[in-house]
Protein backbone atom coordinates (compact mmCIF):
# COMPACT_ATOMS: atom_id res chain seq x y z
CA MET A 1 17.76 42.70 73.50
CA THR A 2 20.44 42.63 70.81
CA ARG A 3 24.16 42.57 71.58
CA GLU A 4 24.35 46.13 70.19
CA VAL A 5 21.73 47.36 72.64
CA PHE A 6 23.48 45.64 75.56
CA ALA A 7 26.78 47.25 74.53
CA ALA A 8 25.19 50.68 74.27
CA ALA A 9 23.59 50.24 77.68
CA ALA A 10 26.99 49.40 79.11
CA ILE A 11 28.39 52.64 77.73
CA PHE A 12 25.57 54.61 79.38
CA ILE A 13 26.21 52.91 82.72
CA ALA A 14 29.95 53.57 82.42
CA ALA A 15 29.30 57.19 81.53
CA LEU A 16 27.00 57.64 84.49
CA SER A 17 29.52 56.12 86.87
CA CYS A 18 32.65 57.76 85.48
CA THR A 19 31.33 61.28 84.91
CA PRO A 20 30.57 63.22 88.08
CA ASP A 21 26.81 63.53 88.36
CA GLN A 22 27.16 65.83 91.33
CA GLY A 23 28.19 69.38 90.69
CA ASN A 24 26.75 71.89 88.32
CA PRO A 25 27.24 71.23 84.60
CA ALA A 26 27.40 75.00 84.16
CA ALA A 27 30.52 75.15 86.35
CA GLU A 28 32.13 72.39 84.29
CA ALA A 29 31.26 74.25 81.10
CA GLU A 30 32.61 77.56 82.36
CA GLN A 31 36.05 76.10 82.93
CA GLY A 32 36.13 75.07 79.28
CA LEU A 33 34.59 78.31 78.08
CA ASP A 34 37.17 80.37 79.96
CA TYR A 35 39.86 78.33 78.23
CA CYS A 36 38.18 78.88 74.84
CA ALA A 37 38.05 82.63 75.50
CA ARG A 38 41.80 82.72 76.10
CA GLN A 39 42.50 80.68 72.98
CA THR A 40 40.14 82.80 70.88
CA ALA A 41 42.00 85.94 71.96
CA ARG A 42 45.32 84.28 71.04
CA THR A 43 44.04 83.30 67.61
CA LEU A 44 42.58 86.73 66.95
CA SER A 45 45.81 88.50 67.85
CA GLN A 46 47.71 86.09 65.62
CA ILE A 47 45.55 86.27 62.49
CA ARG A 48 43.88 89.70 62.61
CA PRO A 49 46.82 91.55 60.99
CA ALA A 50 46.35 89.38 57.88
CA GLY A 51 42.87 90.84 57.30
CA TYR A 52 39.31 89.55 57.38
CA MET A 53 39.43 87.90 53.96
CA LEU A 54 41.75 85.15 55.23
CA SER A 55 40.17 82.29 57.15
CA PRO A 56 41.93 80.04 59.72
CA LYS A 57 41.55 76.38 58.85
CA ASN A 58 44.12 74.17 60.58
CA ILE A 59 47.36 73.85 62.49
CA ALA A 60 49.81 71.08 61.61
CA PRO A 61 51.24 68.81 64.32
CA GLY A 62 54.07 70.60 66.09
CA ASP A 63 53.14 74.03 64.69
CA SER A 64 51.72 76.96 66.64
CA THR A 65 50.37 79.08 63.78
CA TRP A 66 47.06 78.82 61.99
CA ASN A 67 47.18 78.09 58.26
CA LEU A 68 45.09 80.80 56.61
CA TYR A 69 43.17 80.46 53.34
CA PRO A 70 41.55 83.16 51.18
CA VAL A 71 37.78 83.30 51.56
CA SER A 72 36.25 81.71 48.46
CA LYS A 73 33.26 79.68 47.33
CA GLU A 74 35.40 76.53 47.54
CA LEU A 75 36.44 76.85 51.20
CA TRP A 76 33.74 75.04 53.17
CA THR A 77 35.30 75.76 56.58
CA GLU A 78 35.20 79.56 56.44
CA GLY A 79 32.02 79.96 58.51
CA PHE A 80 33.44 78.26 61.60
CA TRP A 81 35.81 81.00 62.73
CA PRO A 82 33.18 83.76 62.74
CA GLY A 83 30.85 81.24 64.39
CA ILE A 84 33.43 80.70 67.14
CA LEU A 85 33.68 84.47 67.60
CA TRP A 86 29.90 84.74 67.96
CA TYR A 87 29.88 81.94 70.54
CA ASP A 88 32.76 83.54 72.42
CA TYR A 89 30.95 86.88 72.39
CA GLU A 90 27.82 85.15 73.69
CA TYR A 91 29.84 83.95 76.68
CA THR A 92 32.12 86.93 77.32
CA SER A 93 30.13 89.98 76.05
CA ASP A 94 33.52 91.29 74.87
CA LYS A 95 32.94 94.19 72.45
CA ASP A 96 36.22 93.59 70.64
CA ILE A 97 35.17 90.00 69.95
CA LEU A 98 31.82 91.34 68.70
CA ALA A 99 33.58 93.68 66.29
CA ALA A 100 35.73 90.84 64.98
CA ALA A 101 32.69 88.57 64.61
CA GLU A 102 30.95 91.21 62.53
CA GLU A 103 33.98 91.74 60.30
CA TYR A 104 34.71 88.07 59.65
CA THR A 105 31.01 87.37 59.10
CA GLY A 106 30.67 90.24 56.64
CA ALA A 107 33.47 88.80 54.53
CA LEU A 108 31.14 85.91 53.61
CA GLU A 109 28.19 87.93 52.30
CA PHE A 110 29.14 87.25 48.66
CA ILE A 111 28.22 83.57 49.16
CA SER A 112 24.54 84.60 49.20
CA THR A 113 24.81 86.28 45.80
CA ILE A 114 26.42 83.58 43.64
CA PRO A 115 25.16 80.20 42.34
CA ALA A 116 25.61 77.31 44.75
CA TYR A 117 29.01 75.69 44.42
CA ASP A 118 28.03 72.77 46.65
CA HIS A 119 25.98 71.79 49.72
CA ASP A 120 28.28 73.42 52.31
CA LEU A 121 26.35 76.69 52.26
CA GLY A 122 24.82 75.88 55.62
CA PHE A 123 28.20 75.36 57.25
CA VAL A 124 29.46 78.62 55.77
CA ILE A 125 26.46 80.89 56.35
CA PHE A 126 24.40 79.44 59.19
CA CYS A 127 27.41 79.04 61.50
CA SER A 128 28.35 82.68 60.86
CA TYR A 129 25.28 84.70 59.90
CA GLY A 130 22.96 82.34 61.73
CA ASN A 131 24.67 82.88 65.06
CA GLY A 132 25.05 86.56 64.29
CA TYR A 133 21.33 86.96 63.68
CA ARG A 134 20.46 84.93 66.76
CA LEU A 135 22.53 87.24 68.94
CA THR A 136 21.91 90.63 67.28
CA GLY A 137 18.62 90.37 65.36
CA LYS A 138 20.13 92.34 62.46
CA GLU A 139 17.81 92.20 59.49
CA GLU A 140 20.70 92.28 57.03
CA TYR A 141 21.94 89.01 58.53
CA LYS A 142 18.53 87.41 58.09
CA LYS A 143 18.47 88.55 54.46
CA VAL A 144 21.79 86.82 53.75
CA ILE A 145 20.57 83.58 55.37
CA LEU A 146 17.33 83.53 53.36
CA GLU A 147 19.11 84.29 50.10
CA THR A 148 21.64 81.56 50.76
CA ALA A 149 18.83 79.11 51.54
CA ASP A 150 17.53 79.85 48.03
CA ARG A 151 20.94 78.89 46.63
CA LEU A 152 21.06 75.69 48.65
CA ALA A 153 17.54 74.67 47.61
CA SER A 154 18.57 75.01 43.97
CA LEU A 155 20.66 71.84 44.40
CA TYR A 156 17.61 69.74 45.31
CA ASN A 157 16.65 67.03 42.81
CA PRO A 158 12.99 66.00 43.32
CA ALA A 159 13.49 62.77 41.36
CA VAL A 160 16.10 61.67 43.88
CA GLY A 161 14.68 63.40 46.92
CA THR A 162 17.99 64.87 48.10
CA ILE A 163 20.27 67.86 47.65
CA LEU A 164 23.21 67.27 45.32
CA SER A 165 26.24 67.52 47.59
CA TRP A 166 29.09 67.88 45.09
CA PRO A 167 28.09 69.01 41.59
CA ARG A 168 31.76 68.85 40.59
CA GLU A 169 31.91 65.13 41.50
CA VAL A 170 28.90 63.85 39.53
CA GLU A 171 31.09 62.34 36.83
CA ASN A 172 33.54 60.78 39.29
CA PHE A 173 30.80 59.12 41.34
CA GLY A 174 28.67 58.26 38.35
CA GLY A 175 25.57 60.14 39.42
CA HIS A 176 23.84 62.47 41.85
CA ASN A 177 25.84 62.21 45.07
CA THR A 178 24.61 62.90 48.60
CA ILE A 179 27.04 62.82 51.51
CA MET A 180 26.41 62.48 55.22
CA ASP A 181 27.84 65.96 55.92
CA ASN A 182 24.87 67.41 54.04
CA MET A 183 22.59 66.61 56.98
CA ILE A 184 24.00 69.61 58.86
CA ASN A 185 23.09 72.02 56.08
CA LEU A 186 19.41 71.12 56.32
CA GLU A 187 19.11 73.34 59.38
CA MET A 188 19.33 76.45 57.25
CA LEU A 189 16.41 75.21 55.14
CA PHE A 190 14.28 74.36 58.17
CA TRP A 191 15.06 77.74 59.71
CA ALA A 192 14.36 79.63 56.49
CA ALA A 193 10.95 77.96 56.13
CA GLU A 194 10.01 79.27 59.59
CA ASN A 195 11.50 82.74 59.21
CA GLY A 196 10.23 84.27 56.00
CA GLY A 197 11.70 81.90 53.43
CA ARG A 198 9.73 79.56 51.20
CA PRO A 199 7.70 77.08 53.29
CA GLU A 200 8.51 74.23 50.93
CA TYR A 201 12.13 74.36 52.07
CA ALA A 202 11.07 72.36 55.13
CA ASP A 203 9.66 69.70 52.78
CA ILE A 204 12.97 69.60 50.91
CA ALA A 205 14.85 69.15 54.18
CA ARG A 206 12.52 66.34 55.31
CA SER A 207 12.77 64.58 51.96
CA HIS A 208 16.54 64.78 52.09
CA ALA A 209 16.63 63.42 55.65
CA ASP A 210 14.25 60.56 54.79
CA THR A 211 16.17 59.50 51.69
CA THR A 212 19.49 59.74 53.52
CA MET A 213 18.04 57.58 56.29
CA LYS A 214 17.24 54.93 53.72
CA TYR A 215 20.41 54.85 51.64
CA ASN A 216 23.25 56.28 53.78
CA PHE A 217 22.82 53.77 56.62
CA ARG A 218 23.19 50.03 57.07
CA PRO A 219 20.79 47.80 59.05
CA ASP A 220 23.17 47.89 62.04
CA GLY A 221 22.96 51.69 62.31
CA THR A 222 26.39 52.43 60.85
CA SER A 223 26.66 54.97 58.06
CA TYR A 224 27.95 55.23 54.54
CA HIS A 225 29.61 58.52 53.65
CA VAL A 226 28.10 58.75 50.15
CA ALA A 227 24.96 57.56 48.37
CA VAL A 228 24.83 57.80 44.57
CA TYR A 229 21.64 58.03 42.49
CA ASP A 230 20.62 58.23 38.87
CA PRO A 231 19.79 61.94 38.48
CA ALA A 232 16.98 61.33 35.99
CA SER A 233 15.12 58.37 37.49
CA GLY A 234 16.18 58.88 41.11
CA LYS A 235 17.14 55.21 41.40
CA HIS A 236 19.74 54.42 44.04
CA ILE A 237 22.92 53.16 42.37
CA ARG A 238 25.30 52.47 45.25
CA SER A 239 26.51 53.58 48.65
CA CYS A 240 30.21 54.01 49.33
CA THR A 241 32.83 56.07 51.10
CA HIS A 242 34.99 59.03 50.17
CA GLN A 243 36.76 59.93 53.41
CA GLY A 244 36.35 56.69 55.35
CA TYR A 245 38.54 53.59 55.47
CA SER A 246 36.35 51.51 53.14
CA ASP A 247 32.87 51.30 51.69
CA ASP A 248 31.89 48.98 54.55
CA SER A 249 33.46 50.92 57.43
CA MET A 250 32.05 53.48 59.86
CA TRP A 251 33.86 56.77 59.33
CA ALA A 252 33.72 58.53 62.69
CA ARG A 253 32.87 62.05 61.58
CA GLY A 254 30.28 60.80 59.13
CA GLN A 255 28.45 59.02 61.94
CA ALA A 256 28.79 62.20 64.01
CA TRP A 257 27.18 64.30 61.29
CA GLY A 258 24.29 61.86 61.23
CA ILE A 259 23.77 61.98 65.00
CA TYR A 260 23.82 65.77 65.00
CA GLY A 261 21.68 66.05 61.87
CA TYR A 262 18.81 63.78 62.93
CA THR A 263 18.73 65.34 66.40
CA MET A 264 18.35 68.72 64.69
CA CYS A 265 15.63 67.32 62.40
CA TYR A 266 13.62 66.30 65.45
CA ARG A 267 14.00 69.79 66.93
CA TYR A 268 12.38 71.36 63.87
CA THR A 269 9.78 68.72 63.03
CA HIS A 270 8.90 66.98 66.34
CA ASP A 271 8.60 63.84 64.21
CA SER A 272 9.35 60.84 66.41
CA LYS A 273 10.95 58.90 63.55
CA TYR A 274 13.87 61.34 63.60
CA LEU A 275 14.24 61.06 67.35
CA ASP A 276 14.12 57.27 67.21
CA PHE A 277 16.67 57.21 64.42
CA ALA A 278 18.98 59.68 66.18
CA CYS A 279 18.93 57.43 69.24
CA ARG A 280 19.57 54.33 67.18
CA ILE A 281 22.64 55.65 65.40
CA THR A 282 23.87 57.26 68.60
CA ASP A 283 23.70 53.94 70.42
CA THR A 284 25.70 52.33 67.62
CA TYR A 285 28.37 55.03 67.91
CA LEU A 286 28.55 54.89 71.71
CA SER A 287 28.76 51.10 71.77
CA ARG A 288 32.01 51.17 69.79
CA LEU A 289 33.91 54.04 71.40
CA PRO A 290 37.32 53.57 73.03
CA GLU A 291 37.59 54.13 76.75
CA ASP A 292 38.41 57.85 76.50
CA MET A 293 35.24 58.51 74.44
CA VAL A 294 37.17 60.05 71.52
CA PRO A 295 36.95 57.89 68.38
CA TYR A 296 39.66 56.75 66.06
CA TRP A 297 39.19 58.42 62.68
CA ASP A 298 37.35 55.32 61.40
CA PHE A 299 35.94 52.66 63.70
CA ASP A 300 36.97 49.88 61.32
CA ASP A 301 40.57 50.82 60.48
CA PRO A 302 42.49 47.56 61.06
CA GLY A 303 45.47 49.59 62.27
CA ILE A 304 43.70 50.58 65.51
CA PRO A 305 45.12 51.55 68.01
CA ASP A 306 48.06 52.84 65.97
CA VAL A 307 46.02 55.28 63.86
CA SER A 308 44.89 58.87 64.34
CA ARG A 309 41.94 59.96 66.48
CA ASP A 310 39.29 62.47 65.46
CA ALA A 311 38.61 65.02 68.19
CA SER A 312 36.29 66.84 65.79
CA ALA A 313 33.90 63.87 65.71
CA ALA A 314 33.88 63.78 69.52
CA ALA A 315 33.07 67.49 69.69
CA VAL A 316 30.21 67.16 67.17
CA VAL A 317 28.70 64.21 69.04
CA ALA A 318 29.10 65.84 72.46
CA SER A 319 27.16 68.87 71.24
CA ALA A 320 24.46 66.69 69.70
CA LEU A 321 24.14 64.49 72.79
CA ILE A 322 23.52 67.46 75.06
CA GLU A 323 20.57 68.44 72.88
CA LEU A 324 19.40 64.85 72.39
CA SER A 325 19.42 64.25 76.15
CA GLY A 326 16.69 66.86 76.50
CA TYR A 327 14.38 64.95 74.16
CA VAL A 328 14.79 61.50 75.75
CA PRO A 329 13.26 60.87 79.17
CA GLY A 330 14.57 58.85 82.07
CA ASP A 331 17.84 57.00 82.38
CA LYS A 332 18.56 56.99 78.68
CA GLY A 333 18.47 60.77 78.44
CA ALA A 334 20.59 60.99 81.59
CA GLY A 335 23.02 58.53 80.01
CA TYR A 336 23.34 60.67 76.90
CA LEU A 337 24.11 63.75 78.97
CA ALA A 338 26.61 61.84 81.10
CA ALA A 339 28.31 60.53 77.97
CA ALA A 340 28.57 64.06 76.57
CA ARG A 341 30.08 65.32 79.81
CA LYS A 342 32.62 62.52 79.78
CA MET A 343 33.52 63.36 76.16
CA LEU A 344 34.03 67.01 77.04
CA ASP A 345 36.11 66.08 80.08
CA SER A 346 38.29 63.85 77.91
CA LEU A 347 38.74 66.54 75.27
CA TYR A 348 39.69 69.10 77.92
CA ASP A 349 42.09 66.79 79.74
CA ASN A 350 43.79 65.09 76.79
CA TYR A 351 43.18 66.97 73.53
CA ARG A 352 43.61 70.67 74.35
CA GLY A 353 45.87 72.84 72.25
CA GLY A 354 46.87 74.64 75.44
CA GLU A 355 50.17 76.47 75.34
CA ALA A 356 51.34 74.41 72.36
CA CYS A 357 48.98 76.10 69.89
CA PRO A 358 46.06 78.55 69.95
CA ALA A 359 43.46 76.01 68.79
CA PHE A 360 40.99 74.72 71.35
CA LEU A 361 41.60 71.09 70.35
CA MET A 362 44.36 69.05 68.76
CA HIS A 363 44.29 65.57 67.21
CA SER A 364 41.55 65.74 64.58
CA THR A 365 41.63 63.96 61.23
CA GLY A 366 40.44 65.69 58.09
CA HIS A 367 40.80 63.37 55.07
CA ARG A 368 43.02 60.43 55.91
CA PRO A 369 42.61 58.55 52.59
CA ALA A 370 43.88 61.66 50.79
CA GLY A 371 46.68 62.08 53.33
CA THR A 372 45.52 65.53 54.42
CA GLU A 373 45.04 67.02 57.90
CA ILE A 374 46.05 63.89 59.79
CA ASP A 375 46.39 64.59 63.54
CA TYR A 376 45.82 68.32 62.97
CA ALA A 377 44.05 70.99 64.93
CA ILE A 378 41.06 71.82 62.69
CA ILE A 379 38.74 74.81 62.99
CA TYR A 380 35.45 72.87 62.93
CA ALA A 381 36.53 70.81 65.94
CA ASP A 382 36.85 74.07 67.86
CA TYR A 383 33.45 75.30 66.66
CA TYR A 384 31.53 72.27 67.89
CA TYR A 385 33.56 72.12 71.10
CA ILE A 386 32.61 75.66 72.14
CA GLU A 387 29.03 75.03 71.02
CA ALA A 388 28.89 71.92 73.20
CA LEU A 389 30.23 73.86 76.19
CA LEU A 390 27.61 76.58 75.75
CA ARG A 391 24.89 73.97 75.53
CA LEU A 392 26.19 72.31 78.68
CA LYS A 393 26.28 75.67 80.45
CA ASP A 394 22.66 76.30 79.49
CA LYS A 395 21.78 72.79 80.68
CA GLY A 396 23.17 73.59 84.08
CA MET A 397 21.43 76.92 84.51
């Protein structure tokens, strides 16, 4: 066994011993979900008077008010708030929350009618309309998802084998760029292929996942944020970072997107290579976590421990691990679930917004190299936190 595997095994053992195995996971989840319901109500009362065309994005350290941004094609985070409302409605059955979810979701319909601005269409539409359709079965929601999948597929370059993440950054990067975040948006393509969209969208998603596996990861299972390709020949030019510490470092949220993305790929394809890869990059992530299971913003920042954490990465991984644990038998699957429970416990105990602010979680890091959203409450951290709690609740039923 390699040192990395031994380290990962130690994390699993620690998780199993430190997280209570006795007791119902559903009861643990409900404590968190009750908290999320209270915070959702606080946020809604705070922002609703501003109208449904303004989207909550973040709360600065020391503040108690959400910063709101106009809904636009350039705001990649705007699907998370309606997604949170749908998740909260799923838990509470509150009709007022349902009405708000419908209104905030409807504000995003225009995204399905315009050319793709970038890859974030899945974040925007599948978190909002996707959850809305799952819970209501409204055909108009399905129509928006399928039309948006068409827009996302238009960014696929068959010579490269991936979706172009940032068309506006081609010149800056020197070619067709594909970022780790893009893995999450593949779900909308997989779903569309199974629900009335073009069947070849599943092939696009698989091609993107396979190429990303090859060029956005190092031999040790750590990830690059960006891979750059020649758009004509498809030749790989370089791999680098944009939001991480350096080209050779492991940016925490990038690794989290990978863990979540390849777990999701296995769900849709049942291809063991995606499951094996999800486990491999998960083990790398777990082997390097600090004791409280919430990563520093980049695992290789030399300033650790005097740098910001990223609660959003912890929430993304916790949600992914709960799903992944159901695909992996025996002690390893149990270890993944125990690790997720410990992450959620740590987030609840040490990272809650609580009375200080209406966000679920504080202490996320958006784009540290650019100096933005450092130690903020950020809306996508809340989205994946409530998703993880719902998954844990279902696990315990």
